Protein backbone atom coordinates (compact mmCIF):
# COMPACT_ATOMS: atom_id res chain seq x y z
CA MET A 1 118.79 93.64 56.93
CA GLY A 2 114.75 94.60 56.63
CA ILE A 3 113.29 97.12 59.05
CA GLN A 4 110.91 94.54 60.06
CA GLY A 5 113.34 91.23 59.96
CA THR A 6 114.76 88.92 57.72
CA THR A 7 113.44 85.40 58.35
CA SER A 8 110.30 83.47 57.29
CA PRO A 9 106.86 84.57 58.74
CA LYS A 10 105.38 82.85 61.62
CA PHE A 11 102.28 83.09 63.70
CA ILE A 12 101.13 82.39 67.35
CA THR A 13 97.80 81.05 68.19
CA SER A 14 95.89 81.87 70.93
CA GLY A 15 96.85 78.63 72.88
CA ASP A 16 100.67 79.81 72.35
CA VAL A 17 101.11 77.43 69.79
CA THR A 18 104.11 78.93 67.29
CA VAL A 19 103.78 77.95 63.74
CA GLU A 20 106.68 79.02 61.40
CA LEU A 21 105.73 79.09 57.85
CA ARG A 22 108.80 77.73 56.07
CA HIS A 23 109.68 77.88 52.37
CA PHE A 24 107.06 80.84 52.30
CA VAL A 25 106.38 82.99 49.12
CA VAL A 26 104.74 86.34 49.72
CA THR A 27 102.12 86.92 47.10
CA LYS A 28 100.07 90.04 48.85
CA ASN A 29 101.41 92.27 51.52
CA ASP A 30 99.28 95.40 51.42
CA GLU A 31 97.65 98.26 53.58
CA ASN A 32 93.89 98.78 52.70
CA GLU A 33 93.35 102.32 53.72
CA ASN A 34 90.00 103.04 55.23
CA ILE A 35 89.24 106.89 53.89
CA LEU A 36 86.43 108.88 54.54
CA THR A 37 85.81 111.71 51.66
CA HIS A 38 83.89 114.76 52.75
CA ASN A 39 82.53 116.70 49.63
CA SER A 40 81.43 120.35 50.22
CA GLU A 41 78.24 120.90 49.06
CA ILE A 42 78.75 124.80 48.80
CA ASP A 43 81.80 125.29 46.82
CA GLY A 44 83.03 121.66 45.83
CA ASP A 45 85.86 121.22 47.67
CA ARG A 46 87.05 117.66 48.81
CA GLY A 47 88.63 116.72 52.11
CA PHE A 48 90.17 112.95 52.63
CA TYR A 49 90.51 111.63 56.27
CA LEU A 50 92.40 108.68 56.88
CA LYS A 51 90.78 106.42 59.36
CA GLY A 52 93.30 103.73 59.55
CA SER A 53 94.58 100.80 57.29
CA HIS A 54 93.67 97.15 57.78
CA TYR A 55 96.51 95.00 56.55
CA VAL A 56 96.29 91.81 54.11
CA PHE A 57 99.32 89.26 54.03
CA GLU A 58 99.06 86.28 51.43
CA GLY A 59 101.20 83.77 50.23
CA TYR A 60 101.94 80.11 49.75
CA SER A 61 104.44 77.83 51.64
CA TYR A 62 106.09 74.99 49.57
CA ILE A 63 105.06 71.96 52.11
CA TYR A 64 106.35 69.61 49.59
CA LYS A 65 109.98 70.34 51.00
CA LEU A 66 108.98 69.69 54.78
CA ASP A 67 109.61 65.69 55.89
CA ASP A 68 105.63 65.47 56.03
CA PRO A 69 103.64 67.86 53.75
CA LEU A 70 100.27 66.28 54.42
CA ALA A 71 100.62 66.76 58.52
CA GLU A 72 101.71 70.36 57.87
CA PHE A 73 98.88 71.11 55.66
CA GLN A 74 96.49 69.36 58.32
CA LYS A 75 97.93 71.60 61.24
CA LEU A 76 97.44 74.62 59.42
CA ARG A 77 93.92 73.87 58.40
CA LEU A 78 93.37 73.61 62.42
CA TYR A 79 93.62 77.19 62.63
CA LEU A 80 91.34 78.35 59.88
CA GLY A 81 89.11 81.02 60.84
CA GLN A 82 91.06 81.96 64.14
CA ASP A 83 92.66 84.82 65.42
CA VAL A 84 96.53 84.77 65.45
CA THR A 85 99.29 87.03 66.06
CA LEU A 86 101.09 87.42 62.91
CA TYR A 87 104.87 88.17 62.39
CA MET A 88 105.98 89.33 58.78
CA HIS A 89 109.46 87.77 59.82
CA SER A 90 109.65 85.49 62.72
CA ASP A 91 112.99 87.61 63.98
CA GLY A 92 111.05 90.61 64.04
CA GLU A 93 108.02 92.36 65.72
CA PRO A 94 104.04 91.46 65.20
CA PHE A 95 101.98 93.85 63.38
CA LYS A 96 100.64 96.55 65.86
CA ASP A 97 98.53 99.26 66.20
CA SER A 98 99.23 102.93 66.79
CA ASN A 99 99.28 102.21 70.61
CA GLY A 100 101.68 99.60 70.24
CA ASP A 101 98.95 96.90 70.97
CA VAL A 102 99.45 93.60 69.11
CA VAL A 103 96.80 93.42 66.18
CA PRO A 104 94.92 90.11 65.84
CA PHE A 105 94.95 88.67 62.29
CA THR A 106 92.29 86.05 61.19
CA LEU A 107 93.54 83.38 58.97
CA LEU A 108 90.77 82.94 56.28
CA ARG A 109 92.24 80.78 53.99
CA VAL A 110 94.13 77.58 53.74
CA SER A 111 94.07 75.74 50.47
CA PRO A 112 96.21 73.69 48.35
CA TYR A 113 97.94 75.49 45.83
CA TYR A 114 99.95 74.59 42.50
CA PRO A 115 102.29 77.39 41.41
CA TRP A 116 103.24 75.45 38.34
CA ASP A 117 100.25 74.88 35.81
CA ASP A 118 102.24 71.87 34.29
CA GLU A 119 101.87 70.10 37.22
CA PHE A 120 98.20 70.63 38.31
CA GLY A 121 96.96 68.15 40.97
CA GLN A 122 100.03 67.92 42.72
CA ASP A 123 99.52 69.21 46.08
CA ASN A 124 103.15 70.95 46.50
CA ALA A 125 102.11 74.26 48.21
CA VAL A 126 99.49 75.50 50.46
CA TYR A 127 97.99 79.10 49.96
CA LEU A 128 97.30 81.10 53.31
CA ALA A 129 95.43 84.41 53.47
CA PHE A 130 95.42 86.57 56.65
CA LYS A 131 93.33 89.91 57.51
CA SER A 132 93.94 92.16 60.10
CA THR A 133 90.81 92.83 62.50
CA LYS A 134 91.84 96.31 63.53
CA TYR A 135 93.96 98.76 61.97
CA VAL A 136 97.65 98.45 61.51
CA ASP A 137 100.55 100.93 62.12
CA LEU A 138 103.65 99.94 60.50
CA SER A 139 105.57 102.54 62.21
CA GLN A 140 104.96 100.62 65.43
CA SER A 141 105.69 97.00 63.91
CA THR A 142 109.22 97.70 63.17
CA LYS A 143 112.31 96.30 65.00
CA GLU A 144 113.30 98.37 67.77
CA GLU A 145 116.98 98.89 66.48
CA TYR A 146 115.69 101.12 63.35
CA ILE A 147 113.29 103.28 64.89
CA LYS A 148 115.91 104.56 67.54
CA VAL A 149 117.22 108.20 66.72
CA GLY A 150 120.73 108.64 66.18
CA GLY A 151 121.42 104.69 67.15
CA VAL A 152 123.24 104.02 63.75
CA ASP A 153 126.70 105.24 62.55
CA VAL A 154 126.92 105.30 58.77
CA GLU A 155 129.78 106.28 56.32
CA ILE A 156 129.13 107.65 53.20
CA GLY A 157 131.95 108.66 50.96
CA GLY A 158 134.25 108.96 53.66
CA VAL A 159 132.11 110.93 55.84
CA LYS A 160 130.59 109.50 59.28
CA ILE A 161 127.20 110.42 60.13
CA LYS A 162 124.46 108.95 62.77
CA ILE A 163 121.10 108.35 61.94
């Protein structure tokens, strides 16, 4: 089991519409750290301060596997440029900040995608790109059962321990 879930991604719109991203392949799943650097003019010492991390989540969905690929593409295009609540896995938690508040993501790209070069021109997938509008704290975005101390019994080499 994954610490953030095991099922496909989803997002929820401001109008409470849930959109499951079935047959989704993640291509970018990254934190972009915002780091301030302080260079001392006196002795040359350098200090770093991590202000926070924005998050980028991108990938493509094989819409050709769905009953009506065109309808799915048109539905996804409706949310282009809108802020949504993004779940890396639909059975997990949404992305949150250090206070535990949900972080909005903007859907910045919804475009046809051709994952196979030999089939150029076949609209068999749609590429999606999301970026966070605030800093994300991944420790707040994990499933609750994975952050409880002393909540899981594990047996290693015949020895039972609680983690």
